[in-house]
C-alpha atoms as a PDB file:
ATOM      1  CA  UNK A   1      29.713  22.519   4.472  1.00  0.00           C
ATOM      2  CA  UNK A   2      26.531  20.544   5.185  1.00  0.00           C
ATOM      3  CA  UNK A   3      25.006  18.427   2.494  1.00  0.00           C
ATOM      4  CA  UNK A   4      21.338  18.931   1.480  1.00  0.00           C
ATOM      5  CA  UNK A   5      19.080  15.687   1.279  1.00  0.00           C
ATOM      6  CA  UNK A   6      16.414  15.351  -0.942  1.00  0.00           C
ATOM      7  CA  UNK A   7      13.185  13.918   0.572  1.00  0.00           C
ATOM      8  CA  UNK A   8      12.602  10.274  -0.177  1.00  0.00           C
ATOM      9  CA  UNK A   9       9.393   9.657  -2.144  1.00  0.00           C
ATOM     10  CA  UNK A  10       8.570   5.812  -2.022  1.00  0.00           C
ATOM     11  CA  UNK A  11       5.709   6.645  -4.502  1.00  0.00           C
ATOM     12  CA  UNK A  12       7.980   7.586  -7.180  1.00  0.00           C
ATOM     13  CA  UNK A  13       9.501   4.115  -7.065  1.00  0.00           C
ATOM     14  CA  UNK A  14       6.545   2.344  -7.433  1.00  0.00           C
ATOM     15  CA  UNK A  15       6.240   2.974 -11.170  1.00  0.00           C
ATOM     16  CA  UNK A  16       5.554  -0.762 -12.344  1.00  0.00           C
ATOM     17  CA  UNK A  17       3.615  -3.592 -11.176  1.00  0.00           C
ATOM     18  CA  UNK A  18       6.732  -5.616 -10.773  1.00  0.00           C
ATOM     19  CA  UNK A  19       8.139  -2.866  -8.390  1.00  0.00           C
ATOM     20  CA  UNK A  20       4.831  -2.832  -6.520  1.00  0.00           C
ATOM     21  CA  UNK A  21       4.765  -6.735  -6.553  1.00  0.00           C
ATOM     22  CA  UNK A  22       8.278  -6.858  -4.943  1.00  0.00           C
ATOM     23  CA  UNK A  23       7.886  -3.940  -2.685  1.00  0.00           C
ATOM     24  CA  UNK A  24       4.843  -5.609  -1.081  1.00  0.00           C
ATOM     25  CA  UNK A  25       6.119  -8.841  -0.813  1.00  0.00           C
ATOM     26  CA  UNK A  26       8.674  -7.651   1.017  1.00  0.00           C
ATOM     27  CA  UNK A  27       6.235  -5.980   3.547  1.00  0.00           C
ATOM     28  CA  UNK A  28       4.479  -8.921   3.944  1.00  0.00           C
ATOM     29  CA  UNK A  29       7.379 -10.943   4.684  1.00  0.00           C
ATOM     30  CA  UNK A  30       8.254  -8.443   7.556  1.00  0.00           C
ATOM     31  CA  UNK A  31       4.823  -9.318   9.099  1.00  0.00           C
ATOM     32  CA  UNK A  32       4.182  -5.637  10.463  1.00  0.00           C
ATOM     33  CA  UNK A  33       0.626  -4.631  10.084  1.00  0.00           C
ATOM     34  CA  UNK A  34       1.269  -0.892  10.647  1.00  0.00           C
ATOM     35  CA  UNK A  35       4.021  -1.059   7.427  1.00  0.00           C
ATOM     36  CA  UNK A  36       1.546  -3.188   5.307  1.00  0.00           C
ATOM     37  CA  UNK A  37      -0.896  -0.357   5.980  1.00  0.00           C
ATOM     38  CA  UNK A  38       1.859   2.216   4.913  1.00  0.00           C
ATOM     39  CA  UNK A  39       2.875   0.187   1.837  1.00  0.00           C
ATOM     40  CA  UNK A  40      -1.018   0.109   0.692  1.00  0.00           C
ATOM     41  CA  UNK A  41      -0.922   3.689   1.273  1.00  0.00           C
ATOM     42  CA  UNK A  42       2.268   4.331  -0.727  1.00  0.00           C
ATOM     43  CA  UNK A  43       0.928   2.027  -3.593  1.00  0.00           C
ATOM     44  CA  UNK A  44      -2.759   3.589  -3.755  1.00  0.00           C
ATOM     45  CA  UNK A  45      -1.109   7.133  -4.160  1.00  0.00           C
ATOM     46  CA  UNK A  46       1.039   5.421  -7.060  1.00  0.00           C
ATOM     47  CA  UNK A  47      -1.828   4.171  -8.744  1.00  0.00           C
ATOM     48  CA  UNK A  48      -4.025   7.171  -7.844  1.00  0.00           C
ATOM     49  CA  UNK A  49      -6.101   7.456  -4.889  1.00  0.00           C
ATOM     50  CA  UNK A  50      -9.211   8.299  -6.881  1.00  0.00           C
ATOM     51  CA  UNK A  51      -9.057   5.390  -8.925  1.00  0.00           C
ATOM     52  CA  UNK A  52      -8.239   2.927  -5.924  1.00  0.00           C
ATOM     53  CA  UNK A  53     -11.600   4.470  -3.790  1.00  0.00           C
ATOM     54  CA  UNK A  54     -13.782   4.085  -6.900  1.00  0.00           C
ATOM     55  CA  UNK A  55     -12.564   0.383  -7.814  1.00  0.00           C
ATOM     56  CA  UNK A  56     -12.711  -0.502  -3.814  1.00  0.00           C
ATOM     57  CA  UNK A  57     -16.228   1.083  -3.347  1.00  0.00           C
ATOM     58  CA  UNK A  58     -14.663   3.330  -0.601  1.00  0.00           C
ATOM     59  CA  UNK A  59     -14.906   7.068  -0.286  1.00  0.00           C
ATOM     60  CA  UNK A  60     -11.293   8.815  -0.796  1.00  0.00           C
ATOM     61  CA  UNK A  61     -11.328  10.241   2.780  1.00  0.00           C
ATOM     62  CA  UNK A  62     -12.189   6.861   4.099  1.00  0.00           C
ATOM     63  CA  UNK A  63      -9.424   5.450   2.086  1.00  0.00           C
ATOM     64  CA  UNK A  64      -6.907   8.106   3.517  1.00  0.00           C
ATOM     65  CA  UNK A  65      -8.373   7.188   7.193  1.00  0.00           C
ATOM     66  CA  UNK A  66      -7.947   3.467   6.515  1.00  0.00           C
ATOM     67  CA  UNK A  67      -4.337   3.408   5.274  1.00  0.00           C
ATOM     68  CA  UNK A  68      -2.985   6.034   7.756  1.00  0.00           C
ATOM     69  CA  UNK A  69      -0.510   4.943  10.382  1.00  0.00           C
ATOM     70  CA  UNK A  70      -2.326   3.886  13.541  1.00  0.00           C
ATOM     71  CA  UNK A  71      -5.668   2.954  11.776  1.00  0.00           C
ATOM     72  CA  UNK A  72      -7.364  -0.162  12.447  1.00  0.00           C
ATOM     73  CA  UNK A  73      -9.044  -0.953   9.437  1.00  0.00           C
ATOM     74  CA  UNK A  74     -11.545  -4.154   8.994  1.00  0.00           C
ATOM     75  CA  UNK A  75     -10.002  -7.002   7.102  1.00  0.00           C
ATOM     76  CA  UNK A  76     -12.716  -6.649   4.391  1.00  0.00           C
ATOM     77  CA  UNK A  77     -11.541  -2.968   3.954  1.00  0.00           C
ATOM     78  CA  UNK A  78      -7.856  -4.151   3.447  1.00  0.00           C
ATOM     79  CA  UNK A  79      -8.924  -6.871   1.067  1.00  0.00           C
ATOM     80  CA  UNK A  80     -11.023  -4.473  -1.064  1.00  0.00           C
ATOM     81  CA  UNK A  81      -7.861  -2.127  -1.127  1.00  0.00           C
ATOM     82  CA  UNK A  82      -5.829  -4.884  -2.340  1.00  0.00           C
ATOM     83  CA  UNK A  83      -8.290  -6.067  -4.969  1.00  0.00           C
ATOM     84  CA  UNK A  84      -8.607  -2.505  -6.262  1.00  0.00           C
ATOM     85  CA  UNK A  85      -4.937  -2.130  -6.464  1.00  0.00           C
ATOM     86  CA  UNK A  86      -4.813  -5.162  -8.849  1.00  0.00           C
ATOM     87  CA  UNK A  87      -2.639  -7.393  -6.382  1.00  0.00           C
ATOM     88  CA  UNK A  88      -3.187 -11.206  -5.566  1.00  0.00           C
ATOM     89  CA  UNK A  89      -1.978 -12.539  -2.387  1.00  0.00           C
ATOM     90  CA  UNK A  90      -1.107 -16.132  -2.172  1.00  0.00           C
ATOM     91  CA  UNK A  91      -0.046 -18.499   0.794  1.00  0.00           C
ATOM     92  CA  UNK A  92       2.977 -20.748   0.885  1.00  0.00           C
ATOM     93  CA  UNK A  93       4.401 -23.055   3.334  1.00  0.00           C
ATOM     94  CA  UNK A  94       7.433 -21.707   5.796  1.00  0.00           C
ATOM     95  CA  UNK A  95      10.374 -23.962   4.830  1.00  0.00           C
END
């Protein structure tokens, strides 16, 4: 008898600022730009896409397009989204 698997929803796990921070840190550590956009999309959905669109000054459709797989958003767009998500990035030397 085959077991039924439930669909995995990353958005449900991003229920606190700490979880969001840890998830985004891991994605940044991996260095994959497509995965970063995907992660920002999950976080935006967890925070509320309408709120993120308003805070970033982007239209909701534009936000969905910018964070979709294969998108090549401008760097300033990514920075606006990161700021709207309430996340702060920092740099540290590689050890």
